[in-house]
Each structure stands twice: as C-alpha cells, then as structure tokens.
Amino acid sequence: MKHATHKGNLVNLKKIEGQVRGLQAMIEEEKYCVDILNQLKAVKNALISVEGKILKVHLRACIRGSLGDETLVDNKIEEIVKLLKR
C-alpha cells in the first residue's frame, strides 16, 4: 500500500520550529512566565492542528484502502485506538 503524503504540513512545522526557537529566546531573556506559557500553548495547539490534519489524511487514504479486507480494517482500527491512547 502506498502511503499518503504529508508534505503540505511542512510549512506549518517550519512555523512551529520558529515558535520553539522564539520560546528558547524568551527563556534565555528571562521573559515573564505568563508570556512564555502563552507561547507554549500556541505551539501545543499548532502541533495538535498538524496532528489532526495527518490523522484525517490517514483515515481518508490509508483506512479507505483497507476496507475490502476485514482483517486489515481490524488492524487499522486497533492501530488508531493505540495511537489515541498515547
């Protein structure tokens, strides 16, 4: 089975990378705790957004491809359940 591409998320991940660098600078510059926490929350929400996009593609592409095979479907469902429990 060919895997779906997630290259469209690279732009978002690069923005998150910049946000994390900004966080490092904020800590080095001893910025106000609440400002750091707000930035941490923004990074966390951005990561959750990327996670949701990748999960959506997985459900649409990878799961759909396994629907003809009951064993594969069960395996994919178990895979997602384990992922969501983390």
PDB file of N, CA and C in Angstrom:
ATOM      1  N   MET A   1       0.835  -1.172   0.000  1.00  0.00           N
ATOM      2  CA  MET A   1       0.000   0.000   0.000  1.00  0.00           C
ATOM      3  C   MET A   1       0.887   1.244   0.000  1.00  0.00           C
ATOM      4  N   LYS A   2       0.582   2.192  -0.871  1.00  0.00           N
ATOM      5  CA  LYS A   2       1.326   3.447  -0.940  1.00  0.00           C
ATOM      6  C   LYS A   2       0.831   4.374   0.170  1.00  0.00           C
ATOM      7  N   HIS A   3       1.765   5.003   0.864  1.00  0.00           N
ATOM      8  CA  HIS A   3       1.402   5.888   1.956  1.00  0.00           C
ATOM      9  C   HIS A   3       1.057   7.272   1.436  1.00  0.00           C
ATOM     10  N   ALA A   4       0.150   7.933   2.129  1.00  0.00           N
ATOM     11  CA  ALA A   4      -0.249   9.298   1.778  1.00  0.00           C
ATOM     12  C   ALA A   4       0.909  10.253   2.047  1.00  0.00           C
ATOM     13  N   THR A   5       0.907  11.374   1.358  1.00  0.00           N
ATOM     14  CA  THR A   5       1.951  12.378   1.568  1.00  0.00           C
ATOM     15  C   THR A   5       1.462  13.427   2.564  1.00  0.00           C
ATOM     16  N   HIS A   6       2.379  13.946   3.326  1.00  0.00           N
ATOM     17  CA  HIS A   6       2.057  14.966   4.326  1.00  0.00           C
ATOM     18  C   HIS A   6       2.928  16.205   4.130  1.00  0.00           C
ATOM     19  N   LYS A   7       3.467  16.362   2.931  1.00  0.00           N
ATOM     20  CA  LYS A   7       4.382  17.470   2.659  1.00  0.00           C
ATOM     21  C   LYS A   7       3.734  18.831   2.861  1.00  0.00           C
ATOM     22  N   GLY A   8       2.412  18.902   2.701  1.00  0.00           N
ATOM     23  CA  GLY A   8       1.709  20.164   2.912  1.00  0.00           C
ATOM     24  C   GLY A   8       1.828  20.672   4.342  1.00  0.00           C
ATOM     25  N   ASN A   9       2.163  19.799   5.256  1.00  0.00           N
ATOM     26  CA  ASN A   9       2.308  20.187   6.655  1.00  0.00           C
ATOM     27  C   ASN A   9       3.687  20.753   6.974  1.00  0.00           C
ATOM     28  N   LEU A  10       4.605  20.677   6.029  1.00  0.00           N
ATOM     29  CA  LEU A  10       5.957  21.169   6.288  1.00  0.00           C
ATOM     30  C   LEU A  10       5.982  22.659   6.589  1.00  0.00           C
ATOM     31  N   VAL A  11       5.146  23.429   5.904  1.00  0.00           N
ATOM     32  CA  VAL A  11       5.089  24.871   6.162  1.00  0.00           C
ATOM     33  C   VAL A  11       4.690  25.119   7.612  1.00  0.00           C
ATOM     34  N   ASN A  12       3.662  24.418   8.070  1.00  0.00           N
ATOM     35  CA  ASN A  12       3.213  24.581   9.453  1.00  0.00           C
ATOM     36  C   ASN A  12       4.290  24.141  10.439  1.00  0.00           C
ATOM     37  N   LEU A  13       4.960  23.042  10.133  1.00  0.00           N
ATOM     38  CA  LEU A  13       6.012  22.554  11.030  1.00  0.00           C
ATOM     39  C   LEU A  13       7.192  23.529  11.095  1.00  0.00           C
ATOM     40  N   LYS A  14       7.498  24.178   9.991  1.00  0.00           N
ATOM     41  CA  LYS A  14       8.575  25.172   9.999  1.00  0.00           C
ATOM     42  C   LYS A  14       8.181  26.390  10.837  1.00  0.00           C
ATOM     43  N   LYS A  15       6.899  26.756  10.778  1.00  0.00           N
ATOM     44  CA  LYS A  15       6.421  27.853  11.629  1.00  0.00           C
ATOM     45  C   LYS A  15       6.522  27.463  13.098  1.00  0.00           C
ATOM     46  N   ILE A  16       6.155  26.229  13.399  1.00  0.00           N
ATOM     47  CA  ILE A  16       6.252  25.742  14.780  1.00  0.00           C
ATOM     48  C   ILE A  16       7.705  25.746  15.233  1.00  0.00           C
ATOM     49  N   GLU A  17       8.582  25.340  14.336  1.00  0.00           N
ATOM     50  CA  GLU A  17      10.012  25.355  14.655  1.00  0.00           C
ATOM     51  C   GLU A  17      10.459  26.769  15.038  1.00  0.00           C
ATOM     52  N   GLY A  18       9.967  27.756  14.295  1.00  0.00           N
ATOM     53  CA  GLY A  18      10.286  29.152  14.616  1.00  0.00           C
ATOM     54  C   GLY A  18       9.715  29.565  15.958  1.00  0.00           C
ATOM     55  N   GLN A  19       8.507  29.097  16.249  1.00  0.00           N
ATOM     56  CA  GLN A  19       7.902  29.402  17.537  1.00  0.00           C
ATOM     57  C   GLN A  19       8.722  28.807  18.686  1.00  0.00           C
ATOM     58  N   VAL A  20       9.220  27.589  18.490  1.00  0.00           N
ATOM     59  CA  VAL A  20      10.023  26.946  19.531  1.00  0.00           C
ATOM     60  C   VAL A  20      11.331  27.717  19.730  1.00  0.00           C
ATOM     61  N   ARG A  21      11.928  28.173  18.646  1.00  0.00           N
ATOM     62  CA  ARG A  21      13.138  28.994  18.777  1.00  0.00           C
ATOM     63  C   ARG A  21      12.836  30.282  19.543  1.00  0.00           C
ATOM     64  N   GLY A  22      11.664  30.847  19.262  1.00  0.00           N
ATOM     65  CA  GLY A  22      11.234  32.037  19.990  1.00  0.00           C
ATOM     66  C   GLY A  22      11.070  31.758  21.474  1.00  0.00           C
ATOM     67  N   LEU A  23      10.541  30.591  21.788  1.00  0.00           N
ATOM     68  CA  LEU A  23      10.414  30.187  23.194  1.00  0.00           C
ATOM     69  C   LEU A  23      11.774  30.099  23.876  1.00  0.00           C
ATOM     70  N   GLN A  24      12.722  29.501  23.169  1.00  0.00           N
ATOM     71  CA  GLN A  24      14.069  29.390  23.728  1.00  0.00           C
ATOM     72  C   GLN A  24      14.637  30.774  24.024  1.00  0.00           C
ATOM     73  N   ALA A  25      14.417  31.683  23.105  1.00  0.00           N
ATOM     74  CA  ALA A  25      14.908  33.056  23.302  1.00  0.00           C
ATOM     75  C   ALA A  25      14.203  33.720  24.483  1.00  0.00           C
ATOM     76  N   MET A  26      12.903  33.488  24.594  1.00  0.00           N
ATOM     77  CA  MET A  26      12.148  34.068  25.705  1.00  0.00           C
ATOM     78  C   MET A  26      12.700  33.584  27.047  1.00  0.00           C
ATOM     79  N   ILE A  27      13.026  32.301  27.115  1.00  0.00           N
ATOM     80  CA  ILE A  27      13.563  31.737  28.362  1.00  0.00           C
ATOM     81  C   ILE A  27      14.961  32.290  28.630  1.00  0.00           C
ATOM     82  N   GLU A  28      15.781  32.360  27.588  1.00  0.00           N
ATOM     83  CA  GLU A  28      17.132  32.913  27.757  1.00  0.00           C
ATOM     84  C   GLU A  28      17.075  34.367  28.207  1.00  0.00           C
ATOM     85  N   GLU A  29      16.083  35.110  27.712  1.00  0.00           N
ATOM     86  CA  GLU A  29      15.934  36.527  28.055  1.00  0.00           C
ATOM     87  C   GLU A  29      15.125  36.744  29.331  1.00  0.00           C
ATOM     88  N   GLU A  30      14.759  35.638  29.979  1.00  0.00           N
ATOM     89  CA  GLU A  30      14.010  35.666  31.236  1.00  0.00           C
ATOM     90  C   GLU A  30      12.730  36.492  31.127  1.00  0.00           C
ATOM     91  N   LYS A  31      11.963  36.213  30.090  1.00  0.00           N
ATOM     92  CA  LYS A  31      10.679  36.899  29.891  1.00  0.00           C
ATOM     93  C   LYS A  31       9.680  36.463  30.953  1.00  0.00           C
ATOM     94  N   TYR A  32       8.603  37.180  31.031  1.00  0.00           N
ATOM     95  CA  TYR A  32       7.538  36.945  32.009  1.00  0.00           C
ATOM     96  C   TYR A  32       6.932  35.558  31.803  1.00  0.00           C
ATOM     97  N   CYS A  33       6.734  34.845  32.900  1.00  0.00           N
ATOM     98  CA  CYS A  33       6.255  33.454  32.867  1.00  0.00           C
ATOM     99  C   CYS A  33       4.970  33.291  32.054  1.00  0.00           C
ATOM    100  N   VAL A  34       4.029  34.188  32.249  1.00  0.00           N
ATOM    101  CA  VAL A  34       2.740  34.075  31.553  1.00  0.00           C
ATOM    102  C   VAL A  34       2.939  34.221  30.044  1.00  0.00           C
ATOM    103  N   ASP A  35       3.844  35.085  29.626  1.00  0.00           N
ATOM    104  CA  ASP A  35       4.127  35.232  28.196  1.00  0.00           C
ATOM    105  C   ASP A  35       4.713  33.937  27.627  1.00  0.00           C
ATOM    106  N   ILE A  36       5.603  33.309  28.381  1.00  0.00           N
ATOM    107  CA  ILE A  36       6.189  32.029  27.957  1.00  0.00           C
ATOM    108  C   ILE A  36       5.105  30.961  27.877  1.00  0.00           C
ATOM    109  N   LEU A  37       4.260  30.906  28.886  1.00  0.00           N
ATOM    110  CA  LEU A  37       3.172  29.915  28.900  1.00  0.00           C
ATOM    111  C   LEU A  37       2.214  30.117  27.735  1.00  0.00           C
ATOM    112  N   ASN A  38       1.916  31.376  27.408  1.00  0.00           N
ATOM    113  CA  ASN A  38       1.041  31.652  26.252  1.00  0.00           C
ATOM    114  C   ASN A  38       1.671  31.149  24.959  1.00  0.00           C
ATOM    115  N   GLN A  39       2.966  31.360  24.823  1.00  0.00           N
ATOM    116  CA  GLN A  39       3.652  30.885  23.621  1.00  0.00           C
ATOM    117  C   GLN A  39       3.705  29.364  23.582  1.00  0.00           C
ATOM    118  N   LEU A  40       3.918  28.731  24.732  1.00  0.00           N
ATOM    119  CA  LEU A  40       3.897  27.263  24.803  1.00  0.00           C
ATOM    120  C   LEU A  40       2.533  26.732  24.369  1.00  0.00           C
ATOM    121  N   LYS A  41       1.474  27.381  24.821  1.00  0.00           N
ATOM    122  CA  LYS A  41       0.119  26.971  24.453  1.00  0.00           C
ATOM    123  C   LYS A  41      -0.085  27.095  22.939  1.00  0.00           C
ATOM    124  N   ALA A  42       0.438  28.150  22.343  1.00  0.00           N
ATOM    125  CA  ALA A  42       0.322  28.346  20.895  1.00  0.00           C
ATOM    126  C   ALA A  42       1.036  27.232  20.138  1.00  0.00           C
ATOM    127  N   VAL A  43       2.227  26.853  20.605  1.00  0.00           N
ATOM    128  CA  VAL A  43       2.985  25.767  19.970  1.00  0.00           C
ATOM    129  C   VAL A  43       2.220  24.453  20.110  1.00  0.00           C
ATOM    130  N   LYS A  44       1.720  24.192  21.296  1.00  0.00           N
ATOM    131  CA  LYS A  44       0.968  22.962  21.542  1.00  0.00           C
ATOM    132  C   LYS A  44      -0.254  22.889  20.623  1.00  0.00           C
ATOM    133  N   ASN A  45      -0.998  23.980  20.513  1.00  0.00           N
ATOM    134  CA  ASN A  45      -2.184  23.989  19.648  1.00  0.00           C
ATOM    135  C   ASN A  45      -1.822  23.828  18.178  1.00  0.00           C
ATOM    136  N   ALA A  46      -0.704  24.412  17.775  1.00  0.00           N
ATOM    137  CA  ALA A  46      -0.255  24.257  16.388  1.00  0.00           C
ATOM    138  C   ALA A  46       0.107  22.803  16.102  1.00  0.00           C
ATOM    139  N   LEU A  47       0.757  22.141  17.042  1.00  0.00           N
ATOM    140  CA  LEU A  47       1.091  20.723  16.868  1.00  0.00           C
ATOM    141  C   LEU A  47      -0.172  19.864  16.823  1.00  0.00           C
ATOM    142  N   ILE A  48      -1.132  20.177  17.659  1.00  0.00           N
ATOM    143  CA  ILE A  48      -2.398  19.437  17.651  1.00  0.00           C
ATOM    144  C   ILE A  48      -3.095  19.605  16.305  1.00  0.00           C
ATOM    145  N   SER A  49      -3.010  20.792  15.737  1.00  0.00           N
ATOM    146  CA  SER A  49      -3.609  21.044  14.428  1.00  0.00           C
ATOM    147  C   SER A  49      -2.956  20.186  13.341  1.00  0.00           C
ATOM    148  N   VAL A  50      -1.630  20.130  13.333  1.00  0.00           N
ATOM    149  CA  VAL A  50      -0.909  19.300  12.355  1.00  0.00           C
ATOM    150  C   VAL A  50      -1.252  17.831  12.582  1.00  0.00           C
ATOM    151  N   GLU A  51      -1.298  17.408  13.832  1.00  0.00           N
ATOM    152  CA  GLU A  51      -1.659  16.031  14.153  1.00  0.00           C
ATOM    153  C   GLU A  51      -3.039  15.687  13.588  1.00  0.00           C
ATOM    154  N   GLY A  52      -3.987  16.588  13.756  1.00  0.00           N
ATOM    155  CA  GLY A  52      -5.339  16.362  13.245  1.00  0.00           C
ATOM    156  C   GLY A  52      -5.373  16.245  11.733  1.00  0.00           C
ATOM    157  N   LYS A  53      -4.596  17.079  11.058  1.00  0.00           N
ATOM    158  CA  LYS A  53      -4.547  17.024   9.591  1.00  0.00           C
ATOM    159  C   LYS A  53      -3.967  15.703   9.113  1.00  0.00           C
ATOM    160  N   ILE A  54      -2.909  15.242   9.766  1.00  0.00           N
ATOM    161  CA  ILE A  54      -2.280  13.981   9.369  1.00  0.00           C
ATOM    162  C   ILE A  54      -3.211  12.809   9.664  1.00  0.00           C
ATOM    163  N   LEU A  55      -3.892  12.845  10.803  1.00  0.00           N
ATOM    164  CA  LEU A  55      -4.851  11.787  11.137  1.00  0.00           C
ATOM    165  C   LEU A  55      -5.989  11.750  10.125  1.00  0.00           C
ATOM    166  N   LYS A  56      -6.468  12.912   9.718  1.00  0.00           N
ATOM    167  CA  LYS A  56      -7.553  12.987   8.737  1.00  0.00           C
ATOM    168  C   LYS A  56      -7.133  12.350   7.407  1.00  0.00           C
ATOM    169  N   VAL A  57      -5.922  12.656   6.962  1.00  0.00           N
ATOM    170  CA  VAL A  57      -5.416  12.049   5.724  1.00  0.00           C
ATOM    171  C   VAL A  57      -5.296  10.543   5.900  1.00  0.00           C
ATOM    172  N   HIS A  58      -4.815  10.117   7.054  1.00  0.00           N
ATOM    173  CA  HIS A  58      -4.670   8.687   7.324  1.00  0.00           C
ATOM    174  C   HIS A  58      -6.024   7.988   7.235  1.00  0.00           C
ATOM    175  N   LEU A  59      -7.010   8.580   7.878  1.00  0.00           N
ATOM    176  CA  LEU A  59      -8.344   7.975   7.864  1.00  0.00           C
ATOM    177  C   LEU A  59      -8.918   7.923   6.446  1.00  0.00           C
ATOM    178  N   ARG A  60      -8.714   8.986   5.688  1.00  0.00           N
ATOM    179  CA  ARG A  60      -9.270   9.041   4.332  1.00  0.00           C
ATOM    180  C   ARG A  60      -8.517   8.138   3.358  1.00  0.00           C
ATOM    181  N   ALA A  61      -7.200   8.119   3.444  1.00  0.00           N
ATOM    182  CA  ALA A  61      -6.402   7.388   2.452  1.00  0.00           C
ATOM    183  C   ALA A  61      -6.081   5.968   2.897  1.00  0.00           C
ATOM    184  N   CYS A  62      -5.451   5.836   4.018  1.00  0.00           N
ATOM    185  CA  CYS A  62      -4.950   4.531   4.442  1.00  0.00           C
ATOM    186  C   CYS A  62      -6.070   3.598   4.888  1.00  0.00           C
ATOM    187  N   ILE A  63      -7.016   4.107   5.636  1.00  0.00           N
ATOM    188  CA  ILE A  63      -8.112   3.267   6.108  1.00  0.00           C
ATOM    189  C   ILE A  63      -9.017   2.873   4.949  1.00  0.00           C
ATOM    190  N   ARG A  64      -9.342   3.827   4.112  1.00  0.00           N
ATOM    191  CA  ARG A  64     -10.206   3.545   2.965  1.00  0.00           C
ATOM    192  C   ARG A  64      -9.629   2.423   2.109  1.00  0.00           C
ATOM    193  N   GLY A  65      -8.309   2.399   1.952  1.00  0.00           N
ATOM    194  CA  GLY A  65      -7.664   1.378   1.141  1.00  0.00           C
ATOM    195  C   GLY A  65      -7.764  -0.016   1.724  1.00  0.00           C
ATOM    196  N   SER A  66      -8.039  -0.106   3.017  1.00  0.00           N
ATOM    197  CA  SER A  66      -8.093  -1.423   3.652  1.00  0.00           C
ATOM    198  C   SER A  66      -9.519  -1.937   3.842  1.00  0.00           C
ATOM    199  N   LEU A  67     -10.516  -1.190   3.409  1.00  0.00           N
ATOM    200  CA  LEU A  67     -11.904  -1.557   3.683  1.00  0.00           C
ATOM    201  C   LEU A  67     -12.345  -2.873   3.051  1.00  0.00           C
ATOM    202  N   GLY A  68     -11.691  -3.301   1.999  1.00  0.00           N
ATOM    203  CA  GLY A  68     -12.066  -4.553   1.361  1.00  0.00           C
ATOM    204  C   GLY A  68     -11.616  -5.786   2.123  1.00  0.00           C
ATOM    205  N   ASP A  69     -10.715  -5.613   3.044  1.00  0.00           N
ATOM    206  CA  ASP A  69     -10.138  -6.737   3.780  1.00  0.00           C
ATOM    207  C   ASP A  69     -10.459  -6.566   5.268  1.00  0.00           C
ATOM    208  N   GLU A  70     -11.321  -7.421   5.793  1.00  0.00           N
ATOM    209  CA  GLU A  70     -11.793  -7.285   7.179  1.00  0.00           C
ATOM    210  C   GLU A  70     -10.653  -7.327   8.193  1.00  0.00           C
ATOM    211  N   THR A  71      -9.662  -8.167   7.957  1.00  0.00           N
ATOM    212  CA  THR A  71      -8.528  -8.257   8.873  1.00  0.00           C
ATOM    213  C   THR A  71      -7.741  -6.955   8.866  1.00  0.00           C
ATOM    214  N   LEU A  72      -7.531  -6.403   7.676  1.00  0.00           N
ATOM    215  CA  LEU A  72      -6.820  -5.128   7.573  1.00  0.00           C
ATOM    216  C   LEU A  72      -7.584  -4.024   8.280  1.00  0.00           C
ATOM    217  N   VAL A  73      -8.894  -4.001   8.128  1.00  0.00           N
ATOM    218  CA  VAL A  73      -9.712  -2.989   8.788  1.00  0.00           C
ATOM    219  C   VAL A  73      -9.543  -3.099  10.297  1.00  0.00           C
ATOM    220  N   ASP A  74      -9.634  -4.303  10.833  1.00  0.00           N
ATOM    221  CA  ASP A  74      -9.460  -4.506  12.267  1.00  0.00           C
ATOM    222  C   ASP A  74      -8.078  -4.044  12.727  1.00  0.00           C
ATOM    223  N   ASN A  75      -7.068  -4.340  11.938  1.00  0.00           N
ATOM    224  CA  ASN A  75      -5.707  -3.915  12.274  1.00  0.00           C
ATOM    225  C   ASN A  75      -5.588  -2.399  12.282  1.00  0.00           C
ATOM    226  N   LYS A  76      -6.186  -1.747  11.301  1.00  0.00           N
ATOM    227  CA  LYS A  76      -6.137  -0.286  11.219  1.00  0.00           C
ATOM    228  C   LYS A  76      -6.890   0.354  12.381  1.00  0.00           C
ATOM    229  N   ILE A  77      -8.035  -0.210  12.736  1.00  0.00           N
ATOM    230  CA  ILE A  77      -8.799   0.310  13.874  1.00  0.00           C
ATOM    231  C   ILE A  77      -7.979   0.181  15.145  1.00  0.00           C
ATOM    232  N   GLU A  78      -7.358  -0.967  15.338  1.00  0.00           N
ATOM    233  CA  GLU A  78      -6.518  -1.179  16.528  1.00  0.00           C
ATOM    234  C   GLU A  78      -5.347  -0.203  16.545  1.00  0.00           C
ATOM    235  N   GLU A  79      -4.773   0.039  15.385  1.00  0.00           N
ATOM    236  CA  GLU A  79      -3.663   0.979  15.255  1.00  0.00           C
ATOM    237  C   GLU A  79      -4.090   2.384  15.710  1.00  0.00           C
ATOM    238  N   ILE A  80      -5.264   2.811  15.290  1.00  0.00           N
ATOM    239  CA  ILE A  80      -5.756   4.153  15.648  1.00  0.00           C
ATOM    240  C   ILE A  80      -6.101   4.218  17.135  1.00  0.00           C
ATOM    241  N   VAL A  81      -6.702   3.168  17.659  1.00  0.00           N
ATOM    242  CA  VAL A  81      -7.025   3.141  19.093  1.00  0.00           C
ATOM    243  C   VAL A  81      -5.754   3.275  19.929  1.00  0.00           C
ATOM    244  N   LYS A  82      -4.700   2.552  19.570  1.00  0.00           N
ATOM    245  CA  LYS A  82      -3.435   2.650  20.299  1.00  0.00           C
ATOM    246  C   LYS A  82      -2.857   4.062  20.197  1.00  0.00           C
ATOM    247  N   LEU A  83      -2.959   4.643  19.010  1.00  0.00           N
ATOM    248  CA  LEU A  83      -2.450   5.991  18.788  1.00  0.00           C
ATOM    249  C   LEU A  83      -3.173   6.995  19.670  1.00  0.00           C
ATOM    250  N   LEU A  84      -4.478   6.895  19.753  1.00  0.00           N
ATOM    251  CA  LEU A  84      -5.259   7.847  20.532  1.00  0.00           C
ATOM    252  C   LEU A  84      -5.099   7.670  22.027  1.00  0.00           C
ATOM    253  N   LYS A  85      -4.678   6.497  22.470  1.00  0.00           N
ATOM    254  CA  LYS A  85      -4.467   6.243  23.901  1.00  0.00           C
ATOM    255  C   LYS A  85      -3.170   6.855  24.419  1.00  0.00           C
ATOM    256  N   ARG A  86      -2.266   7.201  23.535  1.00  0.00           N
ATOM    257  CA  ARG A  86      -0.960   7.749  23.955  1.00  0.00           C
ATOM    258  C   ARG A  86      -1.119   9.115  24.581  1.00  0.00           C
TER     259      ARG A  86
END
